[in-house]
Amino acid sequence: MASSQKLILLDMDSTFIQQEVIDLLANHAGVGLEVSAITERSMRGEIDFKESLTQRVVLLAGLPERIFDDVREEISLSIGAQEMVASLHSAGHLVAIVSGGFENVIAPLLVQEKIDFFKANHLEVLDGELTGKTIGPIIDRQAKADYLQELAEKLDIPLIQTVAIGDGANDLGMMEIAGLSIAFNAKPVVREYAKARIDDGNLARVLELIASDY
């Protein structure tokens, strides 16, 4: 393994993709406004992420399992996402996603986009319908930081050679320990903290920031 290899870990919703998956699900459940209001408060750090996720997921109870496929069709990658992944891979780096969203929806997309590693929450499904609950530990701020630490150790990549990219308060944990933190179209609390910022919505700029930082 080349000593210069880097690990780039991105948030998913409103970072690697332009949407918030839970908001898309909520629209299908007819609770879009209610859920988006909770999402906004959480991303601004005004409400605990675990609490906010529980409040939002319960409102999705009763949606059919096929909704995962429908919502996946509504997702669009952020500008420059594919260029960023291809260029990072060409340079020998690794790309991972950690998300407070749902693997049920995003896993096929991330496999298609050749993301090396990913981790997200799991929505519980029973008899073909969402139960309004999640399965397993919730991916919150601490879990995102832990995932970066675990991947870096597994891959033998020093934390100084890791990059964390996100937009919300629950991304601050991984940003604190990464060698380079990048706020992407971020909330004020994240923009103030991050070492670098991308405000034009183009993920391809990650390449420039990495090149200039190391």
C-alpha atoms as a PDB file:
ATOM      1  CA  MET A   1       0.000   0.000   0.000  1.00  0.00           C
ATOM      2  CA  ALA A   2       1.314   3.387  -0.969  1.00  0.00           C
ATOM      3  CA  SER A   3       2.013   5.563   2.029  1.00  0.00           C
ATOM      4  CA  SER A   4       0.266   8.461   0.317  1.00  0.00           C
ATOM      5  CA  GLN A   5      -3.052   6.637   0.024  1.00  0.00           C
ATOM      6  CA  LYS A   6      -5.965   8.616   1.434  1.00  0.00           C
ATOM      7  CA  LEU A   7      -9.409   7.689   2.704  1.00  0.00           C
ATOM      8  CA  ILE A   8     -12.197  10.101   1.810  1.00  0.00           C
ATOM      9  CA  LEU A   9     -15.350   9.695   3.912  1.00  0.00           C
ATOM     10  CA  LEU A  10     -18.484  11.548   2.861  1.00  0.00           C
ATOM     11  CA  ASP A  11     -21.902  12.104   4.303  1.00  0.00           C
ATOM     12  CA  MET A  12     -24.655  10.953   1.921  1.00  0.00           C
ATOM     13  CA  ASP A  13     -27.735  13.180   2.077  1.00  0.00           C
ATOM     14  CA  SER A  14     -27.227  16.708   0.732  1.00  0.00           C
ATOM     15  CA  THR A  15     -23.548  15.854   0.238  1.00  0.00           C
ATOM     16  CA  PHE A  16     -22.941  12.911  -2.105  1.00  0.00           C
ATOM     17  CA  ILE A  17     -26.527  13.265  -3.286  1.00  0.00           C
ATOM     18  CA  GLN A  18     -28.650  16.378  -3.581  1.00  0.00           C
ATOM     19  CA  GLN A  19     -31.637  15.107  -1.601  1.00  0.00           C
ATOM     20  CA  GLU A  20     -32.460  14.023   1.952  1.00  0.00           C
ATOM     21  CA  VAL A  21     -33.709  10.450   1.564  1.00  0.00           C
ATOM     22  CA  ILE A  22     -35.906  10.599   4.643  1.00  0.00           C
ATOM     23  CA  ASP A  23     -37.645  13.663   3.205  1.00  0.00           C
ATOM     24  CA  LEU A  24     -38.338  11.775  -0.023  1.00  0.00           C
ATOM     25  CA  LEU A  25     -39.823   8.884   1.952  1.00  0.00           C
ATOM     26  CA  ALA A  26     -41.865  11.328   4.022  1.00  0.00           C
ATOM     27  CA  ASN A  27     -43.350  12.903   0.906  1.00  0.00           C
ATOM     28  CA  HIS A  28     -44.714   9.508  -0.103  1.00  0.00           C
ATOM     29  CA  ALA A  29     -46.164   9.082   3.392  1.00  0.00           C
ATOM     30  CA  GLY A  30     -47.848  12.481   3.257  1.00  0.00           C
ATOM     31  CA  VAL A  31     -45.791  13.867   6.150  1.00  0.00           C
ATOM     32  CA  GLY A  32     -43.202  15.793   4.168  1.00  0.00           C
ATOM     33  CA  LEU A  33     -43.481  19.140   5.888  1.00  0.00           C
ATOM     34  CA  GLU A  34     -43.434  17.643   9.364  1.00  0.00           C
ATOM     35  CA  VAL A  35     -40.389  15.484   8.689  1.00  0.00           C
ATOM     36  CA  SER A  36     -38.393  18.152   6.836  1.00  0.00           C
ATOM     37  CA  ALA A  37     -38.876  20.541   9.759  1.00  0.00           C
ATOM     38  CA  ILE A  38     -37.408  17.949  12.156  1.00  0.00           C
ATOM     39  CA  THR A  39     -34.573  17.228   9.703  1.00  0.00           C
ATOM     40  CA  GLU A  40     -33.653  20.914   9.505  1.00  0.00           C
ATOM     41  CA  ARG A  41     -33.563  21.283  13.290  1.00  0.00           C
ATOM     42  CA  SER A  42     -31.343  18.216  13.572  1.00  0.00           C
ATOM     43  CA  MET A  43     -28.877  19.330  10.911  1.00  0.00           C
ATOM     44  CA  ARG A  44     -28.535  22.690  12.617  1.00  0.00           C
ATOM     45  CA  GLY A  45     -27.697  20.929  15.872  1.00  0.00           C
ATOM     46  CA  GLU A  46     -30.844  22.112  17.627  1.00  0.00           C
ATOM     47  CA  ILE A  47     -32.085  18.599  18.402  1.00  0.00           C
ATOM     48  CA  ASP A  48     -30.266  15.318  19.112  1.00  0.00           C
ATOM     49  CA  PHE A  49     -29.910  13.254  15.933  1.00  0.00           C
ATOM     50  CA  LYS A  50     -31.036   9.969  17.486  1.00  0.00           C
ATOM     51  CA  GLU A  51     -34.134  11.607  18.902  1.00  0.00           C
ATOM     52  CA  SER A  52     -34.897  13.341  15.629  1.00  0.00           C
ATOM     53  CA  LEU A  53     -34.474  10.143  13.607  1.00  0.00           C
ATOM     54  CA  THR A  54     -36.813   8.234  15.907  1.00  0.00           C
ATOM     55  CA  GLN A  55     -39.414  11.002  15.600  1.00  0.00           C
ATOM     56  CA  ARG A  56     -39.180  10.984  11.816  1.00  0.00           C
ATOM     57  CA  VAL A  57     -39.034   7.243  11.194  1.00  0.00           C
ATOM     58  CA  VAL A  58     -42.186   6.530  13.202  1.00  0.00           C
ATOM     59  CA  LEU A  59     -44.055   8.760  10.753  1.00  0.00           C
ATOM     60  CA  LEU A  60     -43.067   6.424   7.899  1.00  0.00           C
ATOM     61  CA  ALA A  61     -44.896   3.412   9.361  1.00  0.00           C
ATOM     62  CA  GLY A  62     -47.123   1.680   6.841  1.00  0.00           C
ATOM     63  CA  LEU A  63     -45.207   2.597   3.696  1.00  0.00           C
ATOM     64  CA  PRO A  64     -44.821  -0.412   1.357  1.00  0.00           C
ATOM     65  CA  GLU A  65     -41.371  -1.939   0.979  1.00  0.00           C
ATOM     66  CA  ARG A  66     -41.397  -1.134  -2.742  1.00  0.00           C
ATOM     67  CA  ILE A  67     -41.036   2.525  -1.778  1.00  0.00           C
ATOM     68  CA  PHE A  68     -37.278   1.970  -1.571  1.00  0.00           C
ATOM     69  CA  ASP A  69     -37.097   1.452  -5.338  1.00  0.00           C
ATOM     70  CA  ASP A  70     -39.393   4.402  -6.034  1.00  0.00           C
ATOM     71  CA  VAL A  71     -37.367   6.797  -3.883  1.00  0.00           C
ATOM     72  CA  ARG A  72     -34.075   5.608  -5.346  1.00  0.00           C
ATOM     73  CA  GLU A  73     -35.309   6.813  -8.738  1.00  0.00           C
ATOM     74  CA  GLU A  74     -35.802  10.297  -7.271  1.00  0.00           C
ATOM     75  CA  ILE A  75     -32.193  10.621  -6.113  1.00  0.00           C
ATOM     76  CA  SER A  76     -29.659  12.663  -8.053  1.00  0.00           C
ATOM     77  CA  LEU A  77     -25.945  12.759  -7.357  1.00  0.00           C
ATOM     78  CA  SER A  78     -24.359  16.060  -6.445  1.00  0.00           C
ATOM     79  CA  ILE A  79     -22.551  17.877  -9.239  1.00  0.00           C
ATOM     80  CA  GLY A  80     -19.079  16.433  -9.732  1.00  0.00           C
ATOM     81  CA  ALA A  81     -19.709  13.324  -7.616  1.00  0.00           C
ATOM     82  CA  GLN A  82     -18.823  10.806 -10.310  1.00  0.00           C
ATOM     83  CA  GLU A  83     -15.815  12.834 -11.443  1.00  0.00           C
ATOM     84  CA  MET A  84     -14.593  13.007  -7.850  1.00  0.00           C
ATOM     85  CA  VAL A  85     -14.903   9.252  -7.267  1.00  0.00           C
ATOM     86  CA  ALA A  86     -13.232   8.348 -10.570  1.00  0.00           C
ATOM     87  CA  SER A  87     -10.345  10.755 -10.017  1.00  0.00           C
ATOM     88  CA  LEU A  88      -9.780   9.658  -6.435  1.00  0.00           C
ATOM     89  CA  HIS A  89      -9.743   6.017  -7.486  1.00  0.00           C
ATOM     90  CA  SER A  90      -7.334   6.802 -10.322  1.00  0.00           C
ATOM     91  CA  ALA A  91      -5.004   8.375  -7.778  1.00  0.00           C
ATOM     92  CA  GLY A  92      -5.154   5.240  -5.629  1.00  0.00           C
ATOM     93  CA  HIS A  93      -7.388   6.643  -2.909  1.00  0.00           C
ATOM     94  CA  LEU A  94     -10.453   5.051  -1.286  1.00  0.00           C
ATOM     95  CA  VAL A  95     -13.940   6.526  -1.027  1.00  0.00           C
ATOM     96  CA  ALA A  96     -16.474   5.708   1.681  1.00  0.00           C
ATOM     97  CA  ILE A  97     -19.950   6.903   2.642  1.00  0.00           C
ATOM     98  CA  VAL A  98     -21.400   7.031   6.139  1.00  0.00           C
ATOM     99  CA  SER A  99     -25.018   8.063   6.397  1.00  0.00           C
ATOM    100  CA  GLY A 100     -27.736   8.786   8.879  1.00  0.00           C
ATOM    101  CA  GLY A 101     -30.029   7.762   6.035  1.00  0.00           C
ATOM    102  CA  PHE A 102     -31.043   4.262   5.069  1.00  0.00           C
ATOM    103  CA  GLU A 103     -29.102   1.427   3.491  1.00  0.00           C
ATOM    104  CA  ASN A 104     -32.372  -0.055   2.213  1.00  0.00           C
ATOM    105  CA  VAL A 105     -32.506   2.823  -0.276  1.00  0.00           C
ATOM    106  CA  ILE A 106     -28.902   3.819  -0.960  1.00  0.00           C
ATOM    107  CA  ALA A 107     -26.952   0.531  -1.068  1.00  0.00           C
ATOM    108  CA  PRO A 108     -27.665  -0.319  -4.736  1.00  0.00           C
ATOM    109  CA  LEU A 109     -26.759   3.227  -5.775  1.00  0.00           C
ATOM    110  CA  LEU A 110     -23.463   3.180  -3.876  1.00  0.00           C
ATOM    111  CA  VAL A 111     -22.504  -0.181  -5.358  1.00  0.00           C
ATOM    112  CA  GLN A 112     -23.297   1.207  -8.812  1.00  0.00           C
ATOM    113  CA  GLU A 113     -21.122   4.247  -8.165  1.00  0.00           C
ATOM    114  CA  LYS A 114     -18.217   2.036  -7.042  1.00  0.00           C
ATOM    115  CA  ILE A 115     -18.049   3.371  -3.476  1.00  0.00           C
ATOM    116  CA  ASP A 116     -15.496   1.254  -1.622  1.00  0.00           C
ATOM    117  CA  PHE A 117     -17.185   1.182   1.793  1.00  0.00           C
ATOM    118  CA  PHE A 118     -20.496   2.403   3.191  1.00  0.00           C
ATOM    119  CA  LYS A 119     -22.568   2.307   6.344  1.00  0.00           C
ATOM    120  CA  ALA A 120     -26.085   3.574   7.075  1.00  0.00           C
ATOM    121  CA  ASN A 121     -29.183   2.920   9.139  1.00  0.00           C
ATOM    122  CA  HIS A 122     -31.614   0.096   8.389  1.00  0.00           C
ATOM    123  CA  LEU A 123     -35.367   0.574   8.280  1.00  0.00           C
ATOM    124  CA  GLU A 124     -37.316  -2.347   9.708  1.00  0.00           C
ATOM    125  CA  VAL A 125     -39.745  -4.030   7.337  1.00  0.00           C
ATOM    126  CA  LEU A 126     -42.395  -6.518   8.441  1.00  0.00           C
ATOM    127  CA  ASP A 127     -44.906  -8.212   6.146  1.00  0.00           C
ATOM    128  CA  GLY A 128     -43.905  -5.913   3.297  1.00  0.00           C
ATOM    129  CA  GLU A 129     -44.388  -2.645   5.194  1.00  0.00           C
ATOM    130  CA  LEU A 130     -42.176  -0.228   7.130  1.00  0.00           C
ATOM    131  CA  THR A 131     -42.779  -0.581  10.853  1.00  0.00           C
ATOM    132  CA  GLY A 132     -41.683   2.915  11.812  1.00  0.00           C
ATOM    133  CA  LYS A 133     -38.564   1.586  13.518  1.00  0.00           C
ATOM    134  CA  THR A 134     -34.909   1.067  12.676  1.00  0.00           C
ATOM    135  CA  ILE A 135     -32.814  -2.051  13.214  1.00  0.00           C
ATOM    136  CA  GLY A 136     -29.485  -1.879  15.025  1.00  0.00           C
ATOM    137  CA  PRO A 137     -27.502   1.081  16.330  1.00  0.00           C
ATOM    138  CA  ILE A 138     -28.386   4.483  14.873  1.00  0.00           C
ATOM    139  CA  ILE A 139     -25.690   6.158  12.799  1.00  0.00           C
ATOM    140  CA  ASP A 140     -25.262   9.470  14.611  1.00  0.00           C
ATOM    141  CA  ARG A 141     -22.409  11.925  15.100  1.00  0.00           C
ATOM    142  CA  GLN A 142     -20.341   9.561  17.263  1.00  0.00           C
ATOM    143  CA  ALA A 143     -21.018   6.576  15.019  1.00  0.00           C
ATOM    144  CA  LYS A 144     -19.730   8.489  12.012  1.00  0.00           C
ATOM    145  CA  ALA A 145     -16.525   9.356  13.853  1.00  0.00           C
ATOM    146  CA  ASP A 146     -16.157   5.752  14.984  1.00  0.00           C
ATOM    147  CA  TYR A 147     -16.596   4.515  11.406  1.00  0.00           C
ATOM    148  CA  LEU A 148     -13.815   6.779  10.170  1.00  0.00           C
ATOM    149  CA  GLN A 149     -11.541   5.558  12.948  1.00  0.00           C
ATOM    150  CA  GLU A 150     -12.388   1.905  12.270  1.00  0.00           C
ATOM    151  CA  LEU A 151     -11.859   2.169   8.517  1.00  0.00           C
ATOM    152  CA  ALA A 152      -8.588   4.033   8.893  1.00  0.00           C
ATOM    153  CA  GLU A 153      -7.263   1.381  11.269  1.00  0.00           C
ATOM    154  CA  LYS A 154      -8.502  -1.465   9.078  1.00  0.00           C
ATOM    155  CA  LEU A 155      -6.870   0.033   5.993  1.00  0.00           C
ATOM    156  CA  ASP A 156      -3.705   1.133   7.826  1.00  0.00           C
ATOM    157  CA  ILE A 157      -4.231   4.736   6.725  1.00  0.00           C
ATOM    158  CA  PRO A 158      -3.153   7.391   9.264  1.00  0.00           C
ATOM    159  CA  LEU A 159      -5.946   9.744  10.307  1.00  0.00           C
ATOM    160  CA  ILE A 160      -3.880  12.658   8.999  1.00  0.00           C
ATOM    161  CA  GLN A 161      -4.440  11.170   5.528  1.00  0.00           C
ATOM    162  CA  THR A 162      -8.207  11.000   5.903  1.00  0.00           C
ATOM    163  CA  VAL A 163     -10.753  13.506   4.639  1.00  0.00           C
ATOM    164  CA  ALA A 164     -14.251  14.007   6.086  1.00  0.00           C
ATOM    165  CA  ILE A 165     -16.912  15.809   4.053  1.00  0.00           C
ATOM    166  CA  GLY A 166     -20.374  16.773   5.260  1.00  0.00           C
ATOM    167  CA  ASP A 167     -23.035  19.419   5.701  1.00  0.00           C
ATOM    168  CA  GLY A 168     -24.691  18.919   9.084  1.00  0.00           C
ATOM    169  CA  ALA A 169     -24.024  18.876  12.810  1.00  0.00           C
ATOM    170  CA  ASN A 170     -23.893  15.083  12.919  1.00  0.00           C
ATOM    171  CA  ASP A 171     -20.820  15.227  10.630  1.00  0.00           C
ATOM    172  CA  LEU A 172     -18.735  17.219  13.099  1.00  0.00           C
ATOM    173  CA  GLY A 173     -17.469  14.146  14.964  1.00  0.00           C
ATOM    174  CA  MET A 174     -15.728  12.665  11.935  1.00  0.00           C
ATOM    175  CA  MET A 175     -14.517  16.121  10.926  1.00  0.00           C
ATOM    176  CA  GLU A 176     -12.835  16.560  14.297  1.00  0.00           C
ATOM    177  CA  ILE A 177     -10.558  13.562  13.805  1.00  0.00           C
ATOM    178  CA  ALA A 178      -9.952  13.715  10.034  1.00  0.00           C
ATOM    179  CA  GLY A 179      -6.785  15.207   8.616  1.00  0.00           C
ATOM    180  CA  LEU A 180      -8.879  17.475   6.404  1.00  0.00           C
ATOM    181  CA  SER A 181     -12.491  18.498   7.058  1.00  0.00           C
ATOM    182  CA  ILE A 182     -14.579  19.950   4.237  1.00  0.00           C
ATOM    183  CA  ALA A 183     -17.941  21.647   4.731  1.00  0.00           C
ATOM    184  CA  PHE A 184     -20.122  21.022   1.675  1.00  0.00           C
ATOM    185  CA  ASN A 185     -23.066  23.419   1.194  1.00  0.00           C
ATOM    186  CA  ALA A 186     -23.090  23.229   4.956  1.00  0.00           C
ATOM    187  CA  LYS A 187     -25.055  24.570   7.894  1.00  0.00           C
ATOM    188  CA  PRO A 188     -23.419  27.515   9.711  1.00  0.00           C
ATOM    189  CA  VAL A 189     -22.100  25.396  12.600  1.00  0.00           C
ATOM    190  CA  VAL A 190     -20.250  23.148  10.128  1.00  0.00           C
ATOM    191  CA  ARG A 191     -18.947  25.979   7.959  1.00  0.00           C
ATOM    192  CA  GLU A 192     -17.442  27.618  11.018  1.00  0.00           C
ATOM    193  CA  TYR A 193     -15.680  24.456  12.117  1.00  0.00           C
ATOM    194  CA  ALA A 194     -14.360  22.912   8.887  1.00  0.00           C
ATOM    195  CA  LYS A 195     -10.846  23.542   7.612  1.00  0.00           C
ATOM    196  CA  ALA A 196     -12.142  24.017   4.056  1.00  0.00           C
ATOM    197  CA  ARG A 197     -15.468  24.796   2.392  1.00  0.00           C
ATOM    198  CA  ILE A 198     -17.252  24.071  -0.857  1.00  0.00           C
ATOM    199  CA  ASP A 199     -20.186  26.431  -1.295  1.00  0.00           C
ATOM    200  CA  ASP A 200     -20.954  25.973  -4.985  1.00  0.00           C
ATOM    201  CA  GLY A 201     -22.263  22.388  -4.762  1.00  0.00           C
ATOM    202  CA  ASN A 202     -19.498  20.878  -6.917  1.00  0.00           C
ATOM    203  CA  LEU A 203     -17.857  17.824  -5.358  1.00  0.00           C
ATOM    204  CA  ALA A 204     -15.129  17.816  -7.998  1.00  0.00           C
ATOM    205  CA  ARG A 205     -13.575  20.668  -6.026  1.00  0.00           C
ATOM    206  CA  VAL A 206     -12.648  18.087  -3.379  1.00  0.00           C
ATOM    207  CA  LEU A 207      -9.749  17.135  -5.655  1.00  0.00           C
ATOM    208  CA  GLU A 208      -8.337  20.660  -5.584  1.00  0.00           C
ATOM    209  CA  LEU A 209      -8.656  20.918  -1.813  1.00  0.00           C
ATOM    210  CA  ILE A 210      -6.924  17.603  -1.219  1.00  0.00           C
ATOM    211  CA  ALA A 211      -4.108  18.543  -3.597  1.00  0.00           C
ATOM    212  CA  SER A 212      -3.554  21.877  -1.889  1.00  0.00           C
ATOM    213  CA  ASP A 213      -3.743  20.503   1.632  1.00  0.00           C
ATOM    214  CA  TYR A 214      -1.149  17.722   1.371  1.00  0.00           C
END
